[in-house]
N, C-alpha and C. Protein backbone atom coordinates (compact mmCIF):
# COMPACT_ATOMS: atom_id res chain seq x y z
N MET A 1 0.84 -1.17 0.00
CA MET A 1 0.00 0.00 0.00
C MET A 1 0.89 1.23 0.00
N GLU A 2 0.47 2.20 -0.74
CA GLU A 2 1.19 3.47 -0.81
C GLU A 2 0.23 4.58 -0.40
N LEU A 3 0.72 5.49 0.43
CA LEU A 3 -0.08 6.60 0.90
C LEU A 3 0.68 7.88 0.59
N THR A 4 0.04 8.77 -0.11
CA THR A 4 0.67 10.04 -0.47
C THR A 4 0.09 11.13 0.42
N LEU A 5 1.00 11.84 1.09
CA LEU A 5 0.60 12.93 1.98
C LEU A 5 1.30 14.21 1.57
N ASN A 6 0.61 15.32 1.72
CA ASN A 6 1.30 16.59 1.52
C ASN A 6 2.03 16.92 2.82
N ALA A 7 2.80 17.98 2.82
CA ALA A 7 3.64 18.31 3.99
C ALA A 7 2.79 18.57 5.23
N GLU A 8 1.69 19.27 5.08
CA GLU A 8 0.83 19.57 6.22
C GLU A 8 0.22 18.30 6.81
N GLU A 9 -0.24 17.40 5.96
CA GLU A 9 -0.80 16.13 6.43
C GLU A 9 0.25 15.28 7.13
N ARG A 10 1.45 15.25 6.56
CA ARG A 10 2.54 14.47 7.15
C ARG A 10 2.90 14.99 8.53
N GLU A 11 2.98 16.31 8.67
CA GLU A 11 3.30 16.90 9.96
C GLU A 11 2.23 16.60 11.00
N LEU A 12 0.97 16.66 10.60
CA LEU A 12 -0.11 16.33 11.52
C LEU A 12 -0.04 14.87 11.94
N LEU A 13 0.17 13.99 10.99
CA LEU A 13 0.27 12.56 11.30
C LEU A 13 1.46 12.29 12.22
N LEU A 14 2.60 12.89 11.94
CA LEU A 14 3.76 12.73 12.81
C LEU A 14 3.46 13.23 14.22
N SER A 15 2.81 14.35 14.34
CA SER A 15 2.48 14.91 15.64
C SER A 15 1.57 13.97 16.43
N ILE A 16 0.56 13.45 15.78
CA ILE A 16 -0.37 12.52 16.44
C ILE A 16 0.36 11.26 16.87
N LEU A 17 1.17 10.72 15.99
CA LEU A 17 1.90 9.49 16.31
C LEU A 17 2.93 9.72 17.41
N GLU A 18 3.58 10.86 17.43
CA GLU A 18 4.54 11.17 18.48
C GLU A 18 3.85 11.30 19.83
N GLN A 19 2.67 11.92 19.86
CA GLN A 19 1.89 12.02 21.09
C GLN A 19 1.51 10.64 21.60
N ARG A 20 1.06 9.79 20.69
CA ARG A 20 0.67 8.43 21.08
C ARG A 20 1.88 7.65 21.57
N HIS A 21 3.03 7.87 20.95
CA HIS A 21 4.25 7.18 21.36
C HIS A 21 4.61 7.54 22.80
N ARG A 22 4.55 8.82 23.12
CA ARG A 22 4.84 9.26 24.49
C ARG A 22 3.86 8.64 25.48
N ALA A 23 2.58 8.63 25.13
CA ALA A 23 1.56 8.06 26.00
C ALA A 23 1.78 6.56 26.18
N LEU A 24 2.17 5.90 25.11
CA LEU A 24 2.42 4.46 25.17
C LEU A 24 3.60 4.14 26.07
N LEU A 25 4.65 4.95 26.01
CA LEU A 25 5.80 4.74 26.89
C LEU A 25 5.40 4.88 28.36
N LYS A 26 4.56 5.85 28.66
CA LYS A 26 4.07 6.02 30.04
C LYS A 26 3.23 4.82 30.46
N GLU A 27 2.39 4.37 29.55
CA GLU A 27 1.53 3.22 29.84
C GLU A 27 2.37 1.97 30.12
N ILE A 28 3.41 1.77 29.35
CA ILE A 28 4.31 0.62 29.56
C ILE A 28 4.93 0.70 30.94
N THR A 29 5.37 1.89 31.33
CA THR A 29 6.01 2.08 32.63
C THR A 29 5.06 1.75 33.78
N HIS A 30 3.78 2.04 33.61
CA HIS A 30 2.82 1.86 34.70
C HIS A 30 2.06 0.54 34.64
N THR A 31 2.42 -0.32 33.73
CA THR A 31 1.72 -1.60 33.58
C THR A 31 2.49 -2.71 34.29
N ASP A 32 1.77 -3.47 35.10
CA ASP A 32 2.38 -4.58 35.82
C ASP A 32 2.09 -5.94 35.18
N HIS A 33 1.01 -6.04 34.47
CA HIS A 33 0.61 -7.32 33.87
C HIS A 33 1.56 -7.66 32.73
N ARG A 34 2.25 -8.77 32.86
CA ARG A 34 3.34 -9.13 31.95
C ARG A 34 2.92 -9.26 30.49
N GLU A 35 1.84 -10.00 30.24
CA GLU A 35 1.41 -10.21 28.86
C GLU A 35 0.96 -8.90 28.20
N PHE A 36 0.25 -8.09 28.99
CA PHE A 36 -0.21 -6.80 28.46
C PHE A 36 0.99 -5.90 28.16
N LYS A 37 1.98 -5.91 29.04
CA LYS A 37 3.17 -5.08 28.84
C LYS A 37 3.92 -5.53 27.58
N GLN A 38 3.99 -6.83 27.34
CA GLN A 38 4.65 -7.33 26.13
C GLN A 38 3.92 -6.85 24.88
N GLU A 39 2.59 -6.85 24.92
CA GLU A 39 1.81 -6.37 23.78
C GLU A 39 2.03 -4.87 23.56
N LEU A 40 2.09 -4.12 24.66
CA LEU A 40 2.37 -2.68 24.55
C LEU A 40 3.75 -2.44 23.95
N ARG A 41 4.73 -3.22 24.37
CA ARG A 41 6.09 -3.06 23.83
C ARG A 41 6.13 -3.39 22.35
N LYS A 42 5.38 -4.40 21.94
CA LYS A 42 5.31 -4.75 20.52
C LYS A 42 4.73 -3.57 19.73
N ASN A 43 3.65 -2.98 20.25
CA ASN A 43 3.04 -1.82 19.60
C ASN A 43 4.00 -0.64 19.57
N GLU A 44 4.76 -0.46 20.63
CA GLU A 44 5.72 0.63 20.70
C GLU A 44 6.81 0.47 19.64
N ARG A 45 7.29 -0.75 19.45
CA ARG A 45 8.31 -1.00 18.41
C ARG A 45 7.75 -0.72 17.02
N LEU A 46 6.52 -1.13 16.78
CA LEU A 46 5.88 -0.86 15.48
C LEU A 46 5.70 0.64 15.26
N LEU A 47 5.29 1.33 16.31
CA LEU A 47 5.11 2.77 16.22
C LEU A 47 6.43 3.49 15.97
N GLU A 48 7.49 3.06 16.65
CA GLU A 48 8.81 3.64 16.42
C GLU A 48 9.26 3.44 14.98
N SER A 49 9.02 2.25 14.45
CA SER A 49 9.39 1.95 13.08
C SER A 49 8.63 2.85 12.11
N LEU A 50 7.35 2.99 12.34
CA LEU A 50 6.52 3.84 11.48
C LEU A 50 6.97 5.30 11.54
N LEU A 51 7.24 5.78 12.75
CA LEU A 51 7.72 7.15 12.90
C LEU A 51 9.05 7.35 12.17
N GLY A 52 9.93 6.39 12.28
CA GLY A 52 11.22 6.48 11.58
C GLY A 52 11.05 6.55 10.08
N ARG A 53 10.15 5.76 9.56
CA ARG A 53 9.91 5.76 8.11
C ARG A 53 9.30 7.09 7.66
N LEU A 54 8.35 7.61 8.44
CA LEU A 54 7.75 8.89 8.09
C LEU A 54 8.76 10.03 8.17
N ARG A 55 9.59 10.03 9.19
CA ARG A 55 10.62 11.06 9.32
C ARG A 55 11.63 10.94 8.18
N GLY A 56 12.00 9.72 7.85
CA GLY A 56 12.94 9.49 6.75
C GLY A 56 12.38 9.98 5.43
N ALA A 57 11.09 9.75 5.21
CA ALA A 57 10.45 10.22 3.97
C ALA A 57 10.44 11.74 3.92
N ALA A 58 10.23 12.37 5.08
CA ALA A 58 10.22 13.83 5.12
C ALA A 58 11.59 14.40 4.79
N VAL A 59 12.64 13.80 5.35
CA VAL A 59 14.00 14.25 5.08
C VAL A 59 14.36 14.02 3.63
N GLN A 60 13.97 12.86 3.12
CA GLN A 60 14.25 12.52 1.72
C GLN A 60 13.58 13.52 0.78
N GLU A 61 12.36 13.92 1.12
CA GLU A 61 11.64 14.87 0.29
C GLU A 61 12.32 16.24 0.31
N LEU A 62 12.85 16.64 1.45
CA LEU A 62 13.55 17.92 1.54
C LEU A 62 14.82 17.93 0.71
N HIS A 63 15.52 16.81 0.66
CA HIS A 63 16.78 16.73 -0.08
C HIS A 63 16.61 16.18 -1.48
N GLY A 64 15.40 15.75 -1.81
CA GLY A 64 15.16 15.12 -3.10
C GLY A 64 15.02 16.08 -4.19
């Protein structure tokens, strides 16, 4: 799947995802249930990967 975003849309999406990432890190810290914490960590890794790809695309577009 390919998704095309303009700069304003990309910035909004990055902002939303960064907010969720911070909230997820706090949630992981405050979670005691092992299985739930593992699921949160899995989501956090996926979110980090997605953020990295979006940031990389933004940098690539600036230098492209």
